[in-house]
Amino acid sequence: GIIMIITSVVLTFLALNFYKMIHTKEAHELKMKNRVNAVIAEAQAGEQEAGFGKRHAFLVFAFTTGLREGMESIVFLIGVISDFKDP
């Protein structure tokens, strides 16, 4: 009973949002295309000096990903070692 009503409300809400999103998609695509073209034109003209983040984005991404994985491994190993019983 009540679960069915909640589910129908949620699905109706999602359907209406998807319907709205379909109609705003074209305007969003045009806006994004104009922004990308403007950035490309600025880069080709050399008008804008790229900041550290833009120049080294892949380096920063790789470093932070490695750091995150290392921290995750440490947390996992601490959990495993704390459950280990001394013989």
N, C-alpha and C. Protein backbone atom coordinates (compact mmCIF):
# COMPACT_ATOMS: atom_id res chain seq x y z
N GLY A 1 0.79 -1.19 0.00
CA GLY A 1 0.00 0.00 0.00
C GLY A 1 0.84 1.27 0.00
N ILE A 2 1.45 1.59 1.15
CA ILE A 2 2.15 2.86 1.29
C ILE A 2 3.43 2.86 0.46
N ILE A 3 4.11 1.71 0.36
CA ILE A 3 5.32 1.62 -0.46
C ILE A 3 4.98 1.87 -1.93
N MET A 4 3.85 1.36 -2.38
CA MET A 4 3.44 1.56 -3.76
C MET A 4 3.16 3.04 -4.04
N ILE A 5 2.58 3.72 -3.10
CA ILE A 5 2.29 5.15 -3.27
C ILE A 5 3.60 5.95 -3.29
N ILE A 6 4.51 5.64 -2.39
CA ILE A 6 5.80 6.33 -2.36
C ILE A 6 6.56 6.08 -3.66
N THR A 7 6.55 4.85 -4.13
CA THR A 7 7.23 4.51 -5.37
C THR A 7 6.64 5.26 -6.56
N SER A 8 5.32 5.33 -6.62
CA SER A 8 4.69 6.03 -7.74
C SER A 8 4.99 7.53 -7.70
N VAL A 9 5.08 8.11 -6.52
CA VAL A 9 5.43 9.53 -6.39
C VAL A 9 6.86 9.77 -6.86
N VAL A 10 7.78 8.90 -6.43
CA VAL A 10 9.18 9.04 -6.83
C VAL A 10 9.33 8.87 -8.33
N LEU A 11 8.68 7.86 -8.90
CA LEU A 11 8.78 7.64 -10.35
C LEU A 11 8.15 8.77 -11.15
N THR A 12 7.06 9.33 -10.66
CA THR A 12 6.44 10.47 -11.33
C THR A 12 7.38 11.67 -11.29
N PHE A 13 8.01 11.92 -10.15
CA PHE A 13 8.96 13.01 -10.02
C PHE A 13 10.12 12.82 -10.99
N LEU A 14 10.67 11.61 -11.07
CA LEU A 14 11.77 11.35 -11.99
C LEU A 14 11.35 11.52 -13.44
N ALA A 15 10.16 11.03 -13.79
CA ALA A 15 9.69 11.15 -15.17
C ALA A 15 9.53 12.62 -15.56
N LEU A 16 8.98 13.43 -14.68
CA LEU A 16 8.81 14.85 -14.99
C LEU A 16 10.16 15.55 -15.14
N ASN A 17 11.12 15.20 -14.28
CA ASN A 17 12.44 15.81 -14.41
C ASN A 17 13.14 15.39 -15.69
N PHE A 18 13.01 14.12 -16.08
CA PHE A 18 13.61 13.67 -17.33
C PHE A 18 12.96 14.36 -18.53
N TYR A 19 11.66 14.55 -18.46
CA TYR A 19 10.95 15.24 -19.54
C TYR A 19 11.45 16.68 -19.66
N LYS A 20 11.63 17.34 -18.52
CA LYS A 20 12.15 18.71 -18.52
C LYS A 20 13.58 18.74 -19.04
N MET A 21 14.37 17.74 -18.67
CA MET A 21 15.76 17.69 -19.08
C MET A 21 15.89 17.50 -20.59
N ILE A 22 14.99 16.76 -21.19
CA ILE A 22 15.03 16.55 -22.64
C ILE A 22 14.85 17.88 -23.36
N HIS A 23 13.96 18.72 -22.85
CA HIS A 23 13.69 19.99 -23.53
C HIS A 23 14.78 21.03 -23.29
N THR A 24 15.50 20.94 -22.20
CA THR A 24 16.56 21.91 -21.95
C THR A 24 17.92 21.43 -22.47
N LYS A 25 17.96 20.22 -22.99
CA LYS A 25 19.22 19.65 -23.46
C LYS A 25 19.81 20.44 -24.62
N GLU A 26 18.99 20.85 -25.56
CA GLU A 26 19.48 21.56 -26.73
C GLU A 26 20.11 22.90 -26.35
N ALA A 27 19.47 23.63 -25.46
CA ALA A 27 20.02 24.92 -25.04
C ALA A 27 21.33 24.72 -24.28
N HIS A 28 21.40 23.69 -23.47
CA HIS A 28 22.63 23.41 -22.73
C HIS A 28 23.77 23.02 -23.68
N GLU A 29 23.46 22.20 -24.69
CA GLU A 29 24.48 21.80 -25.65
C GLU A 29 25.01 23.00 -26.42
N LEU A 30 24.14 23.92 -26.80
CA LEU A 30 24.57 25.11 -27.52
C LEU A 30 25.45 25.99 -26.64
N LYS A 31 25.07 26.15 -25.38
CA LYS A 31 25.87 26.95 -24.44
C LYS A 31 27.25 26.33 -24.25
N MET A 32 27.31 25.02 -24.05
CA MET A 32 28.59 24.35 -23.86
C MET A 32 29.46 24.43 -25.11
N LYS A 33 28.84 24.31 -26.28
CA LYS A 33 29.59 24.40 -27.55
C LYS A 33 30.21 25.79 -27.69
N ASN A 34 29.46 26.82 -27.35
CA ASN A 34 29.99 28.18 -27.43
C ASN A 34 31.14 28.39 -26.45
N ARG A 35 31.02 27.84 -25.24
CA ARG A 35 32.10 27.98 -24.25
C ARG A 35 33.36 27.25 -24.70
N VAL A 36 33.19 26.05 -25.24
CA VAL A 36 34.36 25.28 -25.71
C VAL A 36 35.03 26.01 -26.87
N ASN A 37 34.23 26.52 -27.80
CA ASN A 37 34.81 27.25 -28.93
C ASN A 37 35.55 28.51 -28.47
N ALA A 38 35.02 29.19 -27.45
CA ALA A 38 35.69 30.38 -26.93
C ALA A 38 37.03 30.01 -26.28
N VAL A 39 37.07 28.92 -25.53
CA VAL A 39 38.32 28.50 -24.88
C VAL A 39 39.33 28.08 -25.94
N ILE A 40 38.89 27.38 -26.97
CA ILE A 40 39.79 26.97 -28.04
C ILE A 40 40.35 28.18 -28.77
N ALA A 41 39.50 29.16 -29.04
CA ALA A 41 39.96 30.37 -29.72
C ALA A 41 40.98 31.13 -28.88
N GLU A 42 40.75 31.21 -27.55
CA GLU A 42 41.71 31.89 -26.67
C GLU A 42 43.03 31.15 -26.63
N ALA A 43 42.97 29.82 -26.60
CA ALA A 43 44.20 29.03 -26.55
C ALA A 43 44.99 29.16 -27.84
N GLN A 44 44.30 29.20 -28.96
CA GLN A 44 44.99 29.34 -30.25
C GLN A 44 45.58 30.72 -30.41
N ALA A 45 44.93 31.73 -29.86
CA ALA A 45 45.43 33.10 -29.96
C ALA A 45 46.53 33.36 -28.93
N GLY A 46 46.65 32.51 -27.94
CA GLY A 46 47.67 32.67 -26.91
C GLY A 46 47.40 33.83 -25.99
N GLU A 47 46.13 34.21 -25.84
CA GLU A 47 45.77 35.36 -25.02
C GLU A 47 45.81 35.06 -23.53
N GLN A 48 45.61 33.81 -23.17
CA GLN A 48 45.47 33.47 -21.77
C GLN A 48 46.60 32.53 -21.35
N GLU A 49 47.27 32.90 -20.27
CA GLU A 49 48.31 32.04 -19.71
C GLU A 49 47.64 30.98 -18.84
N ALA A 50 47.96 29.72 -19.10
CA ALA A 50 47.35 28.63 -18.35
C ALA A 50 47.93 28.58 -16.95
N GLY A 51 47.06 28.34 -15.97
CA GLY A 51 47.51 28.23 -14.59
C GLY A 51 48.15 26.88 -14.33
N PHE A 52 48.65 26.73 -13.12
CA PHE A 52 49.33 25.47 -12.76
C PHE A 52 48.39 24.28 -12.91
N GLY A 53 47.14 24.43 -12.48
CA GLY A 53 46.19 23.33 -12.53
C GLY A 53 45.90 22.87 -13.95
N LYS A 54 45.83 23.82 -14.86
CA LYS A 54 45.54 23.46 -16.26
C LYS A 54 46.76 22.85 -16.94
N ARG A 55 47.93 23.32 -16.59
CA ARG A 55 49.14 22.80 -17.23
C ARG A 55 49.52 21.43 -16.70
N HIS A 56 49.25 21.20 -15.43
CA HIS A 56 49.69 19.96 -14.80
C HIS A 56 48.51 19.13 -14.29
N ALA A 57 47.40 19.18 -14.98
CA ALA A 57 46.19 18.50 -14.50
C ALA A 57 46.39 17.00 -14.37
N PHE A 58 47.02 16.37 -15.35
CA PHE A 58 47.19 14.92 -15.29
C PHE A 58 48.17 14.52 -14.19
N LEU A 59 49.19 15.33 -13.97
CA LEU A 59 50.14 15.05 -12.90
C LEU A 59 49.44 15.12 -11.55
N VAL A 60 48.66 16.17 -11.33
CA VAL A 60 47.95 16.33 -10.07
C VAL A 60 46.94 15.21 -9.89
N PHE A 61 46.25 14.85 -10.96
CA PHE A 61 45.26 13.77 -10.90
C PHE A 61 45.92 12.45 -10.54
N ALA A 62 47.04 12.13 -11.20
CA ALA A 62 47.74 10.88 -10.92
C ALA A 62 48.27 10.86 -9.49
N PHE A 63 48.82 11.98 -9.03
CA PHE A 63 49.35 12.04 -7.67
C PHE A 63 48.25 11.85 -6.64
N THR A 64 47.14 12.55 -6.81
CA THR A 64 46.06 12.43 -5.82
C THR A 64 45.43 11.05 -5.85
N THR A 65 45.34 10.45 -7.03
CA THR A 65 44.78 9.10 -7.13
C THR A 65 45.70 8.10 -6.43
N GLY A 66 47.00 8.22 -6.66
CA GLY A 66 47.95 7.34 -5.98
C GLY A 66 47.93 7.53 -4.48
N LEU A 67 47.85 8.78 -4.03
CA LEU A 67 47.78 9.08 -2.60
C LEU A 67 46.53 8.48 -1.98
N ARG A 68 45.41 8.62 -2.68
CA ARG A 68 44.14 8.08 -2.16
C ARG A 68 44.20 6.56 -2.05
N GLU A 69 44.74 5.90 -3.08
CA GLU A 69 44.85 4.44 -3.05
C GLU A 69 45.80 3.99 -1.95
N GLY A 70 46.89 4.73 -1.74
CA GLY A 70 47.81 4.38 -0.67
C GLY A 70 47.16 4.50 0.70
N MET A 71 46.41 5.58 0.90
CA MET A 71 45.71 5.75 2.18
C MET A 71 44.66 4.66 2.37
N GLU A 72 43.99 4.28 1.30
CA GLU A 72 43.00 3.21 1.38
C GLU A 72 43.67 1.89 1.77
N SER A 73 44.84 1.61 1.22
CA SER A 73 45.57 0.39 1.56
C SER A 73 45.98 0.40 3.02
N ILE A 74 46.43 1.54 3.52
CA ILE A 74 46.83 1.64 4.92
C ILE A 74 45.64 1.38 5.84
N VAL A 75 44.50 1.97 5.52
CA VAL A 75 43.31 1.76 6.35
C VAL A 75 42.90 0.29 6.33
N PHE A 76 42.97 -0.33 5.16
CA PHE A 76 42.62 -1.75 5.05
C PHE A 76 43.58 -2.60 5.87
N LEU A 77 44.87 -2.35 5.75
CA LEU A 77 45.86 -3.14 6.48
C LEU A 77 45.73 -2.94 7.99
N ILE A 78 45.42 -1.74 8.44
CA ILE A 78 45.20 -1.51 9.87
C ILE A 78 44.01 -2.33 10.35
N GLY A 79 42.96 -2.39 9.54
CA GLY A 79 41.79 -3.19 9.91
C GLY A 79 42.12 -4.67 9.97
N VAL A 80 42.93 -5.16 9.05
CA VAL A 80 43.28 -6.58 9.03
C VAL A 80 44.21 -6.90 10.19
N ILE A 81 45.20 -6.04 10.44
CA ILE A 81 46.18 -6.31 11.51
C ILE A 81 45.53 -6.23 12.89
N SER A 82 44.57 -5.34 13.07
CA SER A 82 43.93 -5.22 14.37
C SER A 82 43.08 -6.44 14.70
N ASP A 83 42.61 -7.18 13.72
CA ASP A 83 41.85 -8.40 13.94
C ASP A 83 42.73 -9.62 14.12
N PHE A 84 44.03 -9.48 13.89
CA PHE A 84 44.96 -10.61 13.97
C PHE A 84 45.21 -10.96 15.43
N LYS A 85 45.05 -12.24 15.74
CA LYS A 85 45.28 -12.73 17.11
C LYS A 85 46.71 -13.21 17.23
N ASP A 86 47.38 -12.81 18.30
CA ASP A 86 48.74 -13.29 18.56
C ASP A 86 48.70 -14.76 18.94
N PRO A 87 49.65 -15.58 18.41
CA PRO A 87 49.62 -17.02 18.74
C PRO A 87 50.13 -17.31 20.13
